[in-house]
Amino acid sequence: MFAPGHEFVVTRAASPQFAQPIRVRMIRERTDRHTYHGWAWIEVYEIDGYGKAVDRRELYVMPAGLIPTNPSPPLPTRSGGGPGSHRE
């Protein structure tokens, strides 16, 4: 579910304890711990405003509430048109 290196903003949507949002970089999901349905234990680095890791943390969150900050680049498409295409 989580790829190492992905960054998220953690807010109350992920867990009530985050009234003050934090930015994190994923290390891994802790699948060795039991959780309630819809919740997960994750290991992350807390990131400061300069993108530097300032603390390593384990968080209990609802993954659906994590807000991605670095979406994956779009995949190339095969549209058939564009520069260099020849149509008659």
Protein backbone atom coordinates (compact mmCIF):
# COMPACT_ATOMS: atom_id res chain seq x y z
CA MET A 1 0.00 0.00 0.00
CA PHE A 2 2.79 2.42 0.91
CA ALA A 3 5.95 2.87 -1.10
CA PRO A 4 9.11 3.95 0.70
CA GLY A 5 9.98 7.56 -0.03
CA HIS A 6 6.44 8.76 -0.69
CA GLU A 7 5.54 11.88 1.25
CA PHE A 8 2.24 12.69 2.93
CA VAL A 9 0.62 15.36 5.07
CA VAL A 10 -0.90 13.80 8.18
CA THR A 11 -3.99 15.62 9.47
CA ARG A 12 -6.99 14.83 11.66
CA ALA A 13 -8.43 12.94 8.70
CA ALA A 14 -5.72 10.32 9.35
CA SER A 15 -5.81 10.41 13.18
CA PRO A 16 -7.44 12.69 15.78
CA GLN A 17 -4.08 13.42 17.41
CA PHE A 18 -2.92 15.50 14.42
CA ALA A 19 -4.77 18.76 15.04
CA GLN A 20 -1.51 20.36 13.85
CA PRO A 21 -0.65 18.70 10.49
CA ILE A 22 2.80 17.24 9.93
CA ARG A 23 4.61 16.24 6.75
CA VAL A 24 6.17 12.77 6.65
CA ARG A 25 8.24 10.55 4.34
CA MET A 26 7.29 6.88 4.34
CA ILE A 27 9.76 4.27 5.54
CA ARG A 28 7.42 1.26 5.70
CA GLU A 29 4.09 -0.08 6.87
CA ARG A 30 4.29 -2.21 10.04
CA THR A 31 2.37 -5.29 8.93
CA ASP A 32 3.56 -7.25 11.98
CA ARG A 33 1.18 -5.32 14.24
CA HIS A 34 -2.54 -6.00 14.51
CA THR A 35 -4.89 -3.09 13.89
CA TYR A 36 -8.55 -2.31 13.57
CA HIS A 37 -10.04 -2.43 10.08
CA GLY A 38 -9.08 0.71 8.13
CA TRP A 39 -6.09 1.58 10.35
CA ALA A 40 -2.35 0.94 9.94
CA TRP A 41 0.93 1.33 11.80
CA ILE A 42 3.52 3.13 9.68
CA GLU A 43 7.15 4.12 10.20
CA VAL A 44 7.98 7.55 8.84
CA TYR A 45 10.46 10.38 8.97
CA GLU A 46 8.90 13.68 10.01
CA ILE A 47 9.94 16.31 7.45
CA ASP A 48 10.62 19.98 8.15
CA GLY A 49 9.85 22.93 5.86
CA TYR A 50 13.14 22.39 4.00
CA GLY A 51 12.42 18.74 3.18
CA LYS A 52 14.91 17.42 5.77
CA ALA A 53 14.10 14.51 8.07
CA VAL A 54 13.98 15.78 11.66
CA ASP A 55 12.54 12.79 13.55
CA ARG A 56 11.76 9.11 13.02
CA ARG A 57 8.26 8.16 14.19
CA GLU A 58 5.78 5.30 14.30
CA LEU A 59 2.21 6.46 13.67
CA TYR A 60 -1.17 4.75 13.98
CA VAL A 61 -3.27 6.22 11.18
CA MET A 62 -6.16 5.73 8.79
CA PRO A 63 -4.37 5.50 5.42
CA ALA A 64 -7.42 6.91 3.62
CA GLY A 65 -6.81 10.19 5.48
CA LEU A 66 -3.18 10.65 4.38
CA ILE A 67 -2.72 13.45 1.83
CA PRO A 68 -0.03 12.69 -0.80
CA THR A 69 2.43 15.52 -1.46
CA ASN A 70 4.47 13.93 -4.24
CA PRO A 71 2.15 12.21 -6.69
CA SER A 72 3.65 9.76 -9.14
CA PRO A 73 4.61 11.20 -12.52
CA PRO A 74 2.01 10.60 -15.22
CA LEU A 75 2.50 7.50 -17.31
CA PRO A 76 3.26 8.03 -21.01
CA THR A 77 0.28 7.65 -23.29
CA ARG A 78 0.09 6.22 -26.77
CA SER A 79 -2.22 8.70 -28.42
CA GLY A 80 -0.92 8.26 -31.96
CA GLY A 81 -0.89 12.01 -32.56
CA GLY A 82 1.61 14.68 -31.75
CA PRO A 83 4.90 15.95 -33.12
CA GLY A 84 6.30 13.80 -35.89
CA SER A 85 3.14 11.82 -36.50
CA HIS A 86 1.99 11.48 -40.07
CA ARG A 87 -1.69 11.38 -40.95
CA GLU A 88 -3.29 11.33 -44.36
